[in-house]
Amino acid sequence: SGSLLLVYLGNKYETITYGILASYTLIIGIRLIILAFRKKIERKKVKRVGFLGFAGGFLDAFGGGGWGPVVTSTLLAKGKKSNLVVGTVSLAEFFVTLSASLTFFAALGVSHGFIIAGLIIGGTIAAPFAAKLAGKIPQKVAVLAVAFLVITFSVRILFKIL
């Protein structure tokens, strides 16, 4: 649905979506920092996983990014283990990206094949390293790294919008 809306609505609502996404991820990033400095990370049950997946996939397709920041940071904020979150989110992201890409190709046709090939090759090379790294990094360091990245990109997007 995010891909189709982007094709038909285009730039009209993209800025609004970026603002909402950046605000949400900024709040989650701050929450992750607070979570990382607690003595014991409280594990909470993740409610409405289907809605989280839909929102992440929609924002990924419509806003050009959202699956990783929204889903990963939300699951980490709920106290889930970083290696489990990174692996699960990365596997699911393949299917989210595949469905969004197929929708774009069906609606717009295939253009800029060299860019697509570069993303595929780069992702294929980087994925095993990311998986190894996620399994080796301590939970607190992983949560702080995600928080730092999410806050940095959120603030950057918010400044760009304003």
C-alpha atoms as a PDB file:
ATOM      1  CA  SER A   1       0.000   0.000   0.000  1.00  0.00           C
ATOM      2  CA  GLY A   2       2.892   2.356   0.714  1.00  0.00           C
ATOM      3  CA  SER A   3       4.373   1.718  -2.729  1.00  0.00           C
ATOM      4  CA  LEU A   4       1.080   2.354  -4.500  1.00  0.00           C
ATOM      5  CA  LEU A   5       0.415   5.537  -2.551  1.00  0.00           C
ATOM      6  CA  LEU A   6       3.901   6.801  -3.362  1.00  0.00           C
ATOM      7  CA  VAL A   7       3.369   6.108  -7.063  1.00  0.00           C
ATOM      8  CA  TYR A   8       0.020   7.898  -7.176  1.00  0.00           C
ATOM      9  CA  LEU A   9       0.453  10.646  -4.575  1.00  0.00           C
ATOM     10  CA  GLY A  10       4.175  11.198  -5.022  1.00  0.00           C
ATOM     11  CA  ASN A  11       5.825  14.128  -3.324  1.00  0.00           C
ATOM     12  CA  LYS A  12       2.615  15.675  -2.038  1.00  0.00           C
ATOM     13  CA  TYR A  13       2.588  13.791   1.272  1.00  0.00           C
ATOM     14  CA  GLU A  14       6.170  12.563   1.414  1.00  0.00           C
ATOM     15  CA  THR A  15       7.393  15.465   3.571  1.00  0.00           C
ATOM     16  CA  ILE A  16       4.603  14.913   6.094  1.00  0.00           C
ATOM     17  CA  THR A  17       5.470  11.212   6.265  1.00  0.00           C
ATOM     18  CA  TYR A  18       9.159  12.014   6.796  1.00  0.00           C
ATOM     19  CA  GLY A  19       8.262  14.379   9.633  1.00  0.00           C
ATOM     20  CA  ILE A  20       6.086  11.804  11.388  1.00  0.00           C
ATOM     21  CA  LEU A  21       8.691   9.068  10.925  1.00  0.00           C
ATOM     22  CA  ALA A  22      11.552  11.275  12.141  1.00  0.00           C
ATOM     23  CA  SER A  23       9.588  12.424  15.208  1.00  0.00           C
ATOM     24  CA  TYR A  24       8.664   8.855  16.143  1.00  0.00           C
ATOM     25  CA  THR A  25      12.196   7.533  15.728  1.00  0.00           C
ATOM     26  CA  LEU A  26      13.629  10.471  17.693  1.00  0.00           C
ATOM     27  CA  ILE A  27      11.371   9.610  20.638  1.00  0.00           C
ATOM     28  CA  ILE A  28      12.264   5.910  20.355  1.00  0.00           C
ATOM     29  CA  GLY A  29      15.982   6.781  20.189  1.00  0.00           C
ATOM     30  CA  ILE A  30      15.769   8.797  23.415  1.00  0.00           C
ATOM     31  CA  ARG A  31      13.848   5.943  25.003  1.00  0.00           C
ATOM     32  CA  LEU A  32      16.575   3.501  23.923  1.00  0.00           C
ATOM     33  CA  ILE A  33      19.260   5.608  25.620  1.00  0.00           C
ATOM     34  CA  ILE A  34      17.259   5.609  28.852  1.00  0.00           C
ATOM     35  CA  LEU A  35      16.739   1.853  28.497  1.00  0.00           C
ATOM     36  CA  ALA A  36      20.448   1.194  27.917  1.00  0.00           C
ATOM     37  CA  PHE A  37      21.471   2.867  31.182  1.00  0.00           C
ATOM     38  CA  ARG A  38      19.047   0.952  33.366  1.00  0.00           C
ATOM     39  CA  LYS A  39      20.632  -1.710  35.531  1.00  0.00           C
ATOM     40  CA  LYS A  40      18.298  -4.395  34.260  1.00  0.00           C
ATOM     41  CA  ILE A  41      16.561  -4.213  30.916  1.00  0.00           C
ATOM     42  CA  GLU A  42      12.911  -4.942  31.466  1.00  0.00           C
ATOM     43  CA  ARG A  43      11.491  -7.289  28.852  1.00  0.00           C
ATOM     44  CA  LYS A  44       7.979  -6.425  27.793  1.00  0.00           C
ATOM     45  CA  LYS A  45       5.634  -8.336  25.563  1.00  0.00           C
ATOM     46  CA  VAL A  46       5.295  -6.754  22.151  1.00  0.00           C
ATOM     47  CA  LYS A  47       1.646  -6.076  21.484  1.00  0.00           C
ATOM     48  CA  ARG A  48       0.171  -5.518  18.034  1.00  0.00           C
ATOM     49  CA  VAL A  49       3.110  -7.040  16.152  1.00  0.00           C
ATOM     50  CA  GLY A  50       1.019  -7.103  12.978  1.00  0.00           C
ATOM     51  CA  PHE A  51       0.384  -3.363  13.223  1.00  0.00           C
ATOM     52  CA  LEU A  52       4.096  -2.726  13.876  1.00  0.00           C
ATOM     53  CA  GLY A  53       4.971  -4.759  10.780  1.00  0.00           C
ATOM     54  CA  PHE A  54       2.367  -2.973   8.660  1.00  0.00           C
ATOM     55  CA  ALA A  55       3.480   0.475   9.833  1.00  0.00           C
ATOM     56  CA  GLY A  56       7.154  -0.340   9.271  1.00  0.00           C
ATOM     57  CA  GLY A  57       6.506  -1.777   5.820  1.00  0.00           C
ATOM     58  CA  PHE A  58       4.219   1.096   4.812  1.00  0.00           C
ATOM     59  CA  LEU A  59       6.715   3.733   5.920  1.00  0.00           C
ATOM     60  CA  ASP A  60       9.554   1.841   4.253  1.00  0.00           C
ATOM     61  CA  ALA A  61       7.770   1.807   0.905  1.00  0.00           C
ATOM     62  CA  PHE A  62       6.197   5.275   1.102  1.00  0.00           C
ATOM     63  CA  GLY A  63       8.916   7.195   2.906  1.00  0.00           C
ATOM     64  CA  GLY A  64      11.953   5.424   1.498  1.00  0.00           C
ATOM     65  CA  GLY A  65      12.990   3.982   4.845  1.00  0.00           C
ATOM     66  CA  GLY A  66      11.224   2.967   7.953  1.00  0.00           C
ATOM     67  CA  TRP A  67      11.366  -0.764   8.337  1.00  0.00           C
ATOM     68  CA  GLY A  68      14.717  -0.788  10.120  1.00  0.00           C
ATOM     69  CA  PRO A  69      14.350   2.349  12.247  1.00  0.00           C
ATOM     70  CA  VAL A  70      10.729   1.767  13.233  1.00  0.00           C
ATOM     71  CA  VAL A  71      10.695  -1.990  13.771  1.00  0.00           C
ATOM     72  CA  THR A  72      14.223  -2.486  15.130  1.00  0.00           C
ATOM     73  CA  SER A  73      14.109   0.423  17.558  1.00  0.00           C
ATOM     74  CA  THR A  74      10.605  -0.464  18.776  1.00  0.00           C
ATOM     75  CA  LEU A  75      11.553  -4.079  19.456  1.00  0.00           C
ATOM     76  CA  LEU A  76      14.779  -3.041  21.201  1.00  0.00           C
ATOM     77  CA  ALA A  77      12.821  -0.525  23.293  1.00  0.00           C
ATOM     78  CA  LYS A  78      10.636  -3.424  24.437  1.00  0.00           C
ATOM     79  CA  GLY A  79      13.759  -5.147  25.782  1.00  0.00           C
ATOM     80  CA  LYS A  80      14.226  -7.792  23.107  1.00  0.00           C
ATOM     81  CA  LYS A  81      17.760  -9.145  22.562  1.00  0.00           C
ATOM     82  CA  SER A  82      19.683  -7.280  19.877  1.00  0.00           C
ATOM     83  CA  ASN A  83      20.920 -10.336  17.982  1.00  0.00           C
ATOM     84  CA  LEU A  84      17.387 -11.762  17.792  1.00  0.00           C
ATOM     85  CA  VAL A  85      15.926  -8.421  16.706  1.00  0.00           C
ATOM     86  CA  VAL A  86      18.549  -7.747  14.033  1.00  0.00           C
ATOM     87  CA  GLY A  87      18.241 -11.239  12.565  1.00  0.00           C
ATOM     88  CA  THR A  88      14.459 -11.295  12.561  1.00  0.00           C
ATOM     89  CA  VAL A  89      14.070  -7.763  11.234  1.00  0.00           C
ATOM     90  CA  SER A  90      16.660  -8.365   8.504  1.00  0.00           C
ATOM     91  CA  LEU A  91      14.954 -11.546   7.335  1.00  0.00           C
ATOM     92  CA  ALA A  92      11.537  -9.906   7.283  1.00  0.00           C
ATOM     93  CA  GLU A  93      12.992  -6.849   5.536  1.00  0.00           C
ATOM     94  CA  PHE A  94      13.854  -9.009   2.545  1.00  0.00           C
ATOM     95  CA  PHE A  95      10.174  -9.782   2.023  1.00  0.00           C
ATOM     96  CA  VAL A  96       9.103  -6.180   2.680  1.00  0.00           C
ATOM     97  CA  THR A  97      11.610  -4.898   0.124  1.00  0.00           C
ATOM     98  CA  LEU A  98      10.700  -7.602  -2.382  1.00  0.00           C
ATOM     99  CA  SER A  99       6.995  -6.768  -2.239  1.00  0.00           C
ATOM    100  CA  ALA A 100       7.613  -2.999  -2.428  1.00  0.00           C
ATOM    101  CA  SER A 101      10.016  -3.463  -5.347  1.00  0.00           C
ATOM    102  CA  LEU A 102       7.623  -5.676  -7.268  1.00  0.00           C
ATOM    103  CA  THR A 103       4.878  -3.098  -6.787  1.00  0.00           C
ATOM    104  CA  PHE A 104       7.150  -0.291  -8.027  1.00  0.00           C
ATOM    105  CA  PHE A 105       8.263  -2.349 -11.031  1.00  0.00           C
ATOM    106  CA  ALA A 106       4.674  -3.211 -11.918  1.00  0.00           C
ATOM    107  CA  ALA A 107       3.516   0.409 -11.626  1.00  0.00           C
ATOM    108  CA  LEU A 108       6.517   2.276 -13.033  1.00  0.00           C
ATOM    109  CA  GLY A 109       8.595  -0.220 -14.977  1.00  0.00           C
ATOM    110  CA  VAL A 110      12.265  -0.990 -14.491  1.00  0.00           C
ATOM    111  CA  SER A 111      14.701   1.891 -14.819  1.00  0.00           C
ATOM    112  CA  HIS A 112      18.110   2.642 -13.331  1.00  0.00           C
ATOM    113  CA  GLY A 113      19.107  -1.017 -13.292  1.00  0.00           C
ATOM    114  CA  PHE A 114      22.697  -0.187 -12.323  1.00  0.00           C
ATOM    115  CA  ILE A 115      21.496   1.380  -9.057  1.00  0.00           C
ATOM    116  CA  ILE A 116      19.361  -1.658  -8.273  1.00  0.00           C
ATOM    117  CA  ALA A 117      22.282  -3.982  -9.047  1.00  0.00           C
ATOM    118  CA  GLY A 118      24.562  -1.938  -6.781  1.00  0.00           C
ATOM    119  CA  LEU A 119      22.095  -2.145  -3.893  1.00  0.00           C
ATOM    120  CA  ILE A 120      21.717  -5.899  -4.348  1.00  0.00           C
ATOM    121  CA  ILE A 121      25.463  -6.518  -4.515  1.00  0.00           C
ATOM    122  CA  GLY A 122      26.220  -4.187  -1.585  1.00  0.00           C
ATOM    123  CA  GLY A 123      23.494  -5.725   0.564  1.00  0.00           C
ATOM    124  CA  THR A 124      24.680  -9.242  -0.247  1.00  0.00           C
ATOM    125  CA  ILE A 125      28.231  -8.377   0.779  1.00  0.00           C
ATOM    126  CA  ALA A 126      27.249  -6.445   3.940  1.00  0.00           C
ATOM    127  CA  ALA A 127      24.606  -8.845   5.318  1.00  0.00           C
ATOM    128  CA  PRO A 128      26.944 -11.586   6.630  1.00  0.00           C
ATOM    129  CA  PHE A 129      29.148  -9.017   8.348  1.00  0.00           C
ATOM    130  CA  ALA A 130      26.140  -7.383  10.003  1.00  0.00           C
ATOM    131  CA  ALA A 131      24.901 -10.758  11.243  1.00  0.00           C
ATOM    132  CA  LYS A 132      28.305 -11.654  12.741  1.00  0.00           C
ATOM    133  CA  LEU A 133      28.668  -8.241  14.347  1.00  0.00           C
ATOM    134  CA  ALA A 134      25.169  -8.298  15.846  1.00  0.00           C
ATOM    135  CA  GLY A 135      25.909 -11.631  17.524  1.00  0.00           C
ATOM    136  CA  LYS A 136      29.173 -10.400  19.056  1.00  0.00           C
ATOM    137  CA  ILE A 137      28.260  -6.933  20.344  1.00  0.00           C
ATOM    138  CA  PRO A 138      27.021  -6.724  23.954  1.00  0.00           C
ATOM    139  CA  GLN A 139      23.335  -5.795  24.360  1.00  0.00           C
ATOM    140  CA  LYS A 140      24.010  -2.384  25.954  1.00  0.00           C
ATOM    141  CA  VAL A 141      26.452  -1.350  23.222  1.00  0.00           C
ATOM    142  CA  ALA A 142      24.051  -2.490  20.487  1.00  0.00           C
ATOM    143  CA  VAL A 143      21.149  -0.559  22.011  1.00  0.00           C
ATOM    144  CA  LEU A 144      23.279   2.601  22.361  1.00  0.00           C
ATOM    145  CA  ALA A 145      24.554   2.272  18.776  1.00  0.00           C
ATOM    146  CA  VAL A 146      21.020   1.925  17.417  1.00  0.00           C
ATOM    147  CA  ALA A 147      19.858   4.850  19.570  1.00  0.00           C
ATOM    148  CA  PHE A 148      22.706   7.053  18.333  1.00  0.00           C
ATOM    149  CA  LEU A 149      22.043   6.224  14.675  1.00  0.00           C
ATOM    150  CA  VAL A 150      18.278   6.641  14.977  1.00  0.00           C
ATOM    151  CA  ILE A 151      18.587  10.001  16.761  1.00  0.00           C
ATOM    152  CA  THR A 152      21.203  11.267  14.300  1.00  0.00           C
ATOM    153  CA  PHE A 153      19.114  10.425  11.246  1.00  0.00           C
ATOM    154  CA  SER A 154      15.911  11.701  12.860  1.00  0.00           C
ATOM    155  CA  VAL A 155      17.417  15.078  13.715  1.00  0.00           C
ATOM    156  CA  ARG A 156      18.967  15.312  10.238  1.00  0.00           C
ATOM    157  CA  ILE A 157      15.605  14.652   8.564  1.00  0.00           C
ATOM    158  CA  LEU A 158      13.787  17.123  10.843  1.00  0.00           C
ATOM    159  CA  PHE A 159      16.332  19.875  10.054  1.00  0.00           C
ATOM    160  CA  LYS A 160      16.046  19.118   6.352  1.00  0.00           C
ATOM    161  CA  ILE A 161      12.255  19.442   6.496  1.00  0.00           C
ATOM    162  CA  LEU A 162      12.363  22.725   8.378  1.00  0.00           C
END
